[in-house]
Amino acid sequence: MTHAFLLIVYLGQQIIAQDMYFNDIDRCKYFAERLNKQPPVPNRTAGEDVPKNRYYVAVCEPRKVNSKTQLIY
């Protein structure tokens, strides 16, 4: 087992990706910052009292992973 940083990507409140692991926090934060700067995505199914746009939110979380079975960038 080794420590790695998991990049978790949300669109609004829904997790859309959590399968990218990085060896160092700086590399993970680079991709998180790039995703966080993306323009909003229109929410076509939004009704009243629901936001018309959804935003990407990406965070890095430390995890213990098996480096023999999990690809780590």
PDB file of N, CA and C in Angstrom:
ATOM      1  N   MET A   1       0.850  -1.185   0.000  1.00  0.00           N
ATOM      2  CA  MET A   1       0.000   0.000   0.000  1.00  0.00           C
ATOM      3  C   MET A   1       0.893   1.245   0.000  1.00  0.00           C
ATOM      4  N   THR A   2       0.423   2.238  -0.709  1.00  0.00           N
ATOM      5  CA  THR A   2       1.143   3.504  -0.784  1.00  0.00           C
ATOM      6  C   THR A   2       0.144   4.657  -0.725  1.00  0.00           C
ATOM      7  N   HIS A   3       0.635   5.821  -0.355  1.00  0.00           N
ATOM      8  CA  HIS A   3      -0.228   6.998  -0.332  1.00  0.00           C
ATOM      9  C   HIS A   3      -0.254   7.648  -1.704  1.00  0.00           C
ATOM     10  N   ALA A   4      -1.425   8.088  -2.112  1.00  0.00           N
ATOM     11  CA  ALA A   4      -1.607   8.806  -3.371  1.00  0.00           C
ATOM     12  C   ALA A   4      -2.711   9.830  -3.157  1.00  0.00           C
ATOM     13  N   PHE A   5      -2.887  10.699  -4.144  1.00  0.00           N
ATOM     14  CA  PHE A   5      -3.918  11.733  -4.062  1.00  0.00           C
ATOM     15  C   PHE A   5      -4.964  11.461  -5.133  1.00  0.00           C
ATOM     16  N   LEU A   6      -6.201  11.314  -4.692  1.00  0.00           N
ATOM     17  CA  LEU A   6      -7.324  11.025  -5.570  1.00  0.00           C
ATOM     18  C   LEU A   6      -7.961  12.335  -6.015  1.00  0.00           C
ATOM     19  N   LEU A   7      -8.118  12.500  -7.336  1.00  0.00           N
ATOM     20  CA  LEU A   7      -8.810  13.665  -7.876  1.00  0.00           C
ATOM     21  C   LEU A   7     -10.292  13.317  -7.997  1.00  0.00           C
ATOM     22  N   ILE A   8     -11.117  14.031  -7.251  1.00  0.00           N
ATOM     23  CA  ILE A   8     -12.566  13.818  -7.278  1.00  0.00           C
ATOM     24  C   ILE A   8     -13.195  15.006  -7.994  1.00  0.00           C
ATOM     25  N   VAL A   9     -14.012  14.723  -9.022  1.00  0.00           N
ATOM     26  CA  VAL A   9     -14.620  15.773  -9.827  1.00  0.00           C
ATOM     27  C   VAL A   9     -16.135  15.717  -9.665  1.00  0.00           C
ATOM     28  N   TYR A  10     -16.710  16.855  -9.295  1.00  0.00           N
ATOM     29  CA  TYR A  10     -18.155  17.005  -9.139  1.00  0.00           C
ATOM     30  C   TYR A  10     -18.686  17.888 -10.269  1.00  0.00           C
ATOM     31  N   LEU A  11     -19.908  17.632 -10.684  1.00  0.00           N
ATOM     32  CA  LEU A  11     -20.644  18.555 -11.542  1.00  0.00           C
ATOM     33  C   LEU A  11     -21.913  18.866 -10.772  1.00  0.00           C
ATOM     34  N   GLY A  12     -21.955  20.070 -10.238  1.00  0.00           N
ATOM     35  CA  GLY A  12     -23.014  20.382  -9.272  1.00  0.00           C
ATOM     36  C   GLY A  12     -22.727  19.594  -8.001  1.00  0.00           C
ATOM     37  N   GLN A  13     -23.677  18.786  -7.568  1.00  0.00           N
ATOM     38  CA  GLN A  13     -23.481  17.976  -6.362  1.00  0.00           C
ATOM     39  C   GLN A  13     -23.226  16.507  -6.681  1.00  0.00           C
ATOM     40  N   GLN A  14     -23.162  16.177  -7.967  1.00  0.00           N
ATOM     41  CA  GLN A  14     -22.987  14.792  -8.385  1.00  0.00           C
ATOM     42  C   GLN A  14     -21.522  14.509  -8.708  1.00  0.00           C
ATOM     43  N   ILE A  15     -20.980  13.419  -8.162  1.00  0.00           N
ATOM     44  CA  ILE A  15     -19.621  13.000  -8.488  1.00  0.00           C
ATOM     45  C   ILE A  15     -19.637  12.409  -9.899  1.00  0.00           C
ATOM     46  N   ILE A  16     -18.764  12.929 -10.765  1.00  0.00           N
ATOM     47  CA  ILE A  16     -18.711  12.399 -12.126  1.00  0.00           C
ATOM     48  C   ILE A  16     -17.410  11.653 -12.405  1.00  0.00           C
ATOM     49  N   ALA A  17     -16.383  11.824 -11.575  1.00  0.00           N
ATOM     50  CA  ALA A  17     -15.125  11.095 -11.759  1.00  0.00           C
ATOM     51  C   ALA A  17     -14.403  10.979 -10.428  1.00  0.00           C
ATOM     52  N   GLN A  18     -13.914   9.793 -10.158  1.00  0.00           N
ATOM     53  CA  GLN A  18     -13.056   9.579  -8.990  1.00  0.00           C
ATOM     54  C   GLN A  18     -12.172   8.363  -9.239  1.00  0.00           C
ATOM     55  N   ASP A  19     -11.429   8.437 -10.332  1.00  0.00           N
ATOM     56  CA  ASP A  19     -10.593   7.308 -10.712  1.00  0.00           C
ATOM     57  C   ASP A  19      -9.173   7.711 -11.106  1.00  0.00           C
ATOM     58  N   MET A  20      -8.778   8.963 -10.813  1.00  0.00           N
ATOM     59  CA  MET A  20      -7.440   9.421 -11.167  1.00  0.00           C
ATOM     60  C   MET A  20      -6.621   9.629  -9.900  1.00  0.00           C
ATOM     61  N   TYR A  21      -5.529   8.886  -9.788  1.00  0.00           N
ATOM     62  CA  TYR A  21      -4.640   8.977  -8.632  1.00  0.00           C
ATOM     63  C   TYR A  21      -3.314   9.579  -9.071  1.00  0.00           C
ATOM     64  N   PHE A  22      -2.750  10.433  -8.210  1.00  0.00           N
ATOM     65  CA  PHE A  22      -1.489  11.096  -8.507  1.00  0.00           C
ATOM     66  C   PHE A  22      -0.502  10.864  -7.376  1.00  0.00           C
ATOM     67  N   ASN A  23       0.804  10.807  -7.738  1.00  0.00           N
ATOM     68  CA  ASN A  23       1.849  10.590  -6.745  1.00  0.00           C
ATOM     69  C   ASN A  23       2.063  11.795  -5.835  1.00  0.00           C
ATOM     70  N   ASP A  24       1.921  12.995  -6.385  1.00  0.00           N
ATOM     71  CA  ASP A  24       2.147  14.162  -5.531  1.00  0.00           C
ATOM     72  C   ASP A  24       0.978  15.141  -5.605  1.00  0.00           C
ATOM     73  N   ILE A  25       0.824  15.879  -4.547  1.00  0.00           N
ATOM     74  CA  ILE A  25      -0.308  16.792  -4.388  1.00  0.00           C
ATOM     75  C   ILE A  25      -0.265  17.916  -5.415  1.00  0.00           C
ATOM     76  N   ASP A  26       0.938  18.373  -5.789  1.00  0.00           N
ATOM     77  CA  ASP A  26       1.033  19.473  -6.744  1.00  0.00           C
ATOM     78  C   ASP A  26       0.478  19.084  -8.108  1.00  0.00           C
ATOM     79  N   ARG A  27       0.748  17.882  -8.541  1.00  0.00           N
ATOM     80  CA  ARG A  27       0.217  17.407  -9.831  1.00  0.00           C
ATOM     81  C   ARG A  27      -1.299  17.291  -9.762  1.00  0.00           C
ATOM     82  N   CYS A  28      -1.810  16.765  -8.677  1.00  0.00           N
ATOM     83  CA  CYS A  28      -3.256  16.637  -8.494  1.00  0.00           C
ATOM     84  C   CYS A  28      -3.914  18.014  -8.464  1.00  0.00           C
ATOM     85  N   LYS A  29      -3.322  18.941  -7.714  1.00  0.00           N
ATOM     86  CA  LYS A  29      -3.890  20.286  -7.616  1.00  0.00           C
ATOM     87  C   LYS A  29      -3.849  21.023  -8.947  1.00  0.00           C
ATOM     88  N   TYR A  30      -2.870  20.739  -9.781  1.00  0.00           N
ATOM     89  CA  TYR A  30      -2.805  21.354 -11.111  1.00  0.00           C
ATOM     90  C   TYR A  30      -4.078  21.026 -11.897  1.00  0.00           C
ATOM     91  N   PHE A  31      -4.447  19.745 -11.942  1.00  0.00           N
ATOM     92  CA  PHE A  31      -5.635  19.343 -12.679  1.00  0.00           C
ATOM     93  C   PHE A  31      -6.909  19.830 -11.992  1.00  0.00           C
ATOM     94  N   ALA A  32      -6.931  19.841 -10.679  1.00  0.00           N
ATOM     95  CA  ALA A  32      -8.105  20.342  -9.958  1.00  0.00           C
ATOM     96  C   ALA A  32      -8.334  21.812 -10.272  1.00  0.00           C
ATOM     97  N   GLU A  33      -7.288  22.606 -10.268  1.00  0.00           N
ATOM     98  CA  GLU A  33      -7.427  24.028 -10.565  1.00  0.00           C
ATOM     99  C   GLU A  33      -7.897  24.259 -11.991  1.00  0.00           C
ATOM    100  N   ARG A  34      -7.384  23.478 -12.928  1.00  0.00           N
ATOM    101  CA  ARG A  34      -7.810  23.619 -14.326  1.00  0.00           C
ATOM    102  C   ARG A  34      -9.289  23.291 -14.477  1.00  0.00           C
ATOM    103  N   LEU A  35      -9.744  22.241 -13.808  1.00  0.00           N
ATOM    104  CA  LEU A  35     -11.156  21.869 -13.885  1.00  0.00           C
ATOM    105  C   LEU A  35     -12.041  22.908 -13.200  1.00  0.00           C
ATOM    106  N   ASN A  36     -11.582  23.458 -12.086  1.00  0.00           N
ATOM    107  CA  ASN A  36     -12.373  24.452 -11.361  1.00  0.00           C
ATOM    108  C   ASN A  36     -12.552  25.745 -12.159  1.00  0.00           C
ATOM    109  N   LYS A  37     -11.695  25.993 -13.137  1.00  0.00           N
ATOM    110  CA  LYS A  37     -11.794  27.209 -13.953  1.00  0.00           C
ATOM    111  C   LYS A  37     -12.656  27.013 -15.201  1.00  0.00           C
ATOM    112  N   GLN A  38     -13.255  25.851 -15.364  1.00  0.00           N
ATOM    113  CA  GLN A  38     -14.102  25.591 -16.526  1.00  0.00           C
ATOM    114  C   GLN A  38     -15.372  26.432 -16.446  1.00  0.00           C
ATOM    115  N   PRO A  39     -15.925  26.798 -17.603  1.00  0.00           N
ATOM    116  CA  PRO A  39     -17.180  27.568 -17.593  1.00  0.00           C
ATOM    117  C   PRO A  39     -18.331  26.690 -17.090  1.00  0.00           C
ATOM    118  N   PRO A  40     -19.399  27.319 -16.617  1.00  0.00           N
ATOM    119  CA  PRO A  40     -20.543  26.542 -16.129  1.00  0.00           C
ATOM    120  C   PRO A  40     -21.210  25.754 -17.250  1.00  0.00           C
ATOM    121  N   VAL A  41     -21.865  24.672 -16.855  1.00  0.00           N
ATOM    122  CA  VAL A  41     -22.588  23.816 -17.795  1.00  0.00           C
ATOM    123  C   VAL A  41     -24.077  24.105 -17.622  1.00  0.00           C
ATOM    124  N   PRO A  42     -24.799  24.395 -18.713  1.00  0.00           N
ATOM    125  CA  PRO A  42     -26.238  24.666 -18.577  1.00  0.00           C
ATOM    126  C   PRO A  42     -26.981  23.458 -18.009  1.00  0.00           C
ATOM    127  N   ASN A  43     -27.878  23.723 -17.098  1.00  0.00           N
ATOM    128  CA  ASN A  43     -28.707  22.675 -16.510  1.00  0.00           C
ATOM    129  C   ASN A  43     -30.040  22.702 -17.257  1.00  0.00           C
ATOM    130  N   ARG A  44     -30.154  21.882 -18.279  1.00  0.00           N
ATOM    131  CA  ARG A  44     -31.324  21.899 -19.159  1.00  0.00           C
ATOM    132  C   ARG A  44     -32.592  21.404 -18.481  1.00  0.00           C
ATOM    133  N   THR A  45     -32.460  20.635 -17.421  1.00  0.00           N
ATOM    134  CA  THR A  45     -33.641  20.102 -16.742  1.00  0.00           C
ATOM    135  C   THR A  45     -34.031  20.940 -15.530  1.00  0.00           C
ATOM    136  N   ALA A  46     -33.417  22.106 -15.385  1.00  0.00           N
ATOM    137  CA  ALA A  46     -33.678  22.940 -14.214  1.00  0.00           C
ATOM    138  C   ALA A  46     -35.101  23.501 -14.255  1.00  0.00           C
ATOM    139  N   GLY A  47     -35.779  23.350 -13.157  1.00  0.00           N
ATOM    140  CA  GLY A  47     -37.094  23.947 -13.006  1.00  0.00           C
ATOM    141  C   GLY A  47     -36.967  25.199 -12.158  1.00  0.00           C
ATOM    142  N   GLU A  48     -38.071  25.627 -11.579  1.00  0.00           N
ATOM    143  CA  GLU A  48     -38.017  26.783 -10.682  1.00  0.00           C
ATOM    144  C   GLU A  48     -37.238  26.405  -9.431  1.00  0.00           C
ATOM    145  N   ASP A  49     -36.563  27.369  -8.846  1.00  0.00           N
ATOM    146  CA  ASP A  49     -35.774  27.205  -7.625  1.00  0.00           C
ATOM    147  C   ASP A  49     -34.612  26.219  -7.788  1.00  0.00           C
ATOM    148  N   VAL A  50     -34.200  25.964  -9.020  1.00  0.00           N
ATOM    149  CA  VAL A  50     -33.051  25.103  -9.304  1.00  0.00           C
ATOM    150  C   VAL A  50     -32.064  25.937 -10.119  1.00  0.00           C
ATOM    151  N   PRO A  51     -30.773  25.868  -9.781  1.00  0.00           N
ATOM    152  CA  PRO A  51     -29.801  26.670 -10.530  1.00  0.00           C
ATOM    153  C   PRO A  51     -29.827  26.357 -12.033  1.00  0.00           C
ATOM    154  N   LYS A  52     -29.712  27.391 -12.853  1.00  0.00           N
ATOM    155  CA  LYS A  52     -29.728  27.223 -14.303  1.00  0.00           C
ATOM    156  C   LYS A  52     -28.387  26.732 -14.843  1.00  0.00           C
ATOM    157  N   ASN A  53     -27.332  26.856 -14.054  1.00  0.00           N
ATOM    158  CA  ASN A  53     -26.004  26.401 -14.446  1.00  0.00           C
ATOM    159  C   ASN A  53     -25.421  25.516 -13.351  1.00  0.00           C
ATOM    160  N   ARG A  54     -24.595  24.561 -13.777  1.00  0.00           N
ATOM    161  CA  ARG A  54     -23.871  23.720 -12.827  1.00  0.00           C
ATOM    162  C   ARG A  54     -22.381  23.960 -13.040  1.00  0.00           C
ATOM    163  N   TYR A  55     -21.628  23.916 -11.972  1.00  0.00           N
ATOM    164  CA  TYR A  55     -20.203  24.190 -12.033  1.00  0.00           C
ATOM    165  C   TYR A  55     -19.411  22.938 -11.690  1.00  0.00           C
ATOM    166  N   TYR A  56     -18.220  22.824 -12.330  1.00  0.00           N
ATOM    167  CA  TYR A  56     -17.296  21.767 -11.968  1.00  0.00           C
ATOM    168  C   TYR A  56     -16.590  22.154 -10.682  1.00  0.00           C
ATOM    169  N   VAL A  57     -16.442  21.191  -9.804  1.00  0.00           N
ATOM    170  CA  VAL A  57     -15.660  21.367  -8.582  1.00  0.00           C
ATOM    171  C   VAL A  57     -14.763  20.144  -8.476  1.00  0.00           C
ATOM    172  N   ALA A  58     -13.458  20.383  -8.384  1.00  0.00           N
ATOM    173  CA  ALA A  58     -12.504  19.285  -8.285  1.00  0.00           C
ATOM    174  C   ALA A  58     -11.687  19.458  -7.018  1.00  0.00           C
ATOM    175  N   VAL A  59     -11.491  18.362  -6.294  1.00  0.00           N
ATOM    176  CA  VAL A  59     -10.718  18.375  -5.060  1.00  0.00           C
ATOM    177  C   VAL A  59      -9.755  17.192  -5.057  1.00  0.00           C
ATOM    178  N   CYS A  60      -8.687  17.327  -4.307  1.00  0.00           N
ATOM    179  CA  CYS A  60      -7.711  16.256  -4.143  1.00  0.00           C
ATOM    180  C   CYS A  60      -7.819  15.707  -2.725  1.00  0.00           C
ATOM    181  N   GLU A  61      -7.866  14.397  -2.630  1.00  0.00           N
ATOM    182  CA  GLU A  61      -8.041  13.751  -1.327  1.00  0.00           C
ATOM    183  C   GLU A  61      -6.975  12.668  -1.164  1.00  0.00           C
ATOM    184  N   PRO A  62      -6.259  12.659  -0.032  1.00  0.00           N
ATOM    185  CA  PRO A  62      -5.260  11.607   0.171  1.00  0.00           C
ATOM    186  C   PRO A  62      -5.936  10.256   0.421  1.00  0.00           C
ATOM    187  N   ARG A  63      -5.357   9.222  -0.192  1.00  0.00           N
ATOM    188  CA  ARG A  63      -5.876   7.863  -0.028  1.00  0.00           C
ATOM    189  C   ARG A  63      -4.716   6.876   0.003  1.00  0.00           C
ATOM    190  N   LYS A  64      -4.946   5.743   0.625  1.00  0.00           N
ATOM    191  CA  LYS A  64      -4.006   4.632   0.564  1.00  0.00           C
ATOM    192  C   LYS A  64      -4.487   3.707  -0.547  1.00  0.00           C
ATOM    193  N   VAL A  65      -3.598   3.385  -1.482  1.00  0.00           N
ATOM    194  CA  VAL A  65      -3.968   2.522  -2.605  1.00  0.00           C
ATOM    195  C   VAL A  65      -2.900   1.461  -2.816  1.00  0.00           C
ATOM    196  N   ASN A  66      -3.296   0.401  -3.467  1.00  0.00           N
ATOM    197  CA  ASN A  66      -2.368  -0.650  -3.841  1.00  0.00           C
ATOM    198  C   ASN A  66      -1.741  -0.258  -5.175  1.00  0.00           C
ATOM    199  N   SER A  67      -0.486   0.111  -5.158  1.00  0.00           N
ATOM    200  CA  SER A  67       0.177   0.594  -6.360  1.00  0.00           C
ATOM    201  C   SER A  67       0.394  -0.511  -7.398  1.00  0.00           C
ATOM    202  N   LYS A  68       0.226  -1.761  -7.011  1.00  0.00           N
ATOM    203  CA  LYS A  68       0.383  -2.870  -7.962  1.00  0.00           C
ATOM    204  C   LYS A  68      -0.876  -3.069  -8.805  1.00  0.00           C
ATOM    205  N   THR A  69      -2.013  -2.669  -8.275  1.00  0.00           N
ATOM    206  CA  THR A  69      -3.271  -2.863  -9.000  1.00  0.00           C
ATOM    207  C   THR A  69      -3.888  -1.551  -9.477  1.00  0.00           C
ATOM    208  N   GLN A  70      -3.465  -0.424  -8.938  1.00  0.00           N
ATOM    209  CA  GLN A  70      -4.050   0.878  -9.279  1.00  0.00           C
ATOM    210  C   GLN A  70      -3.039   1.722 -10.034  1.00  0.00           C
ATOM    211  N   LEU A  71      -3.439   2.273 -11.171  1.00  0.00           N
ATOM    212  CA  LEU A  71      -2.577   3.158 -11.944  1.00  0.00           C
ATOM    213  C   LEU A  71      -2.459   4.490 -11.208  1.00  0.00           C
ATOM    214  N   ILE A  72      -1.235   4.926 -10.985  1.00  0.00           N
ATOM    215  CA  ILE A  72      -0.967   6.195 -10.316  1.00  0.00           C
ATOM    216  C   ILE A  72      -0.137   7.052 -11.272  1.00  0.00           C
ATOM    217  N   TYR A  73      -0.664   8.230 -11.594  1.00  0.00           N
ATOM    218  CA  TYR A  73       0.029   9.121 -12.538  1.00  0.00           C
ATOM    219  C   TYR A  73       1.112   9.902 -11.847  1.00  0.00           C
TER     220      TYR A  73
END
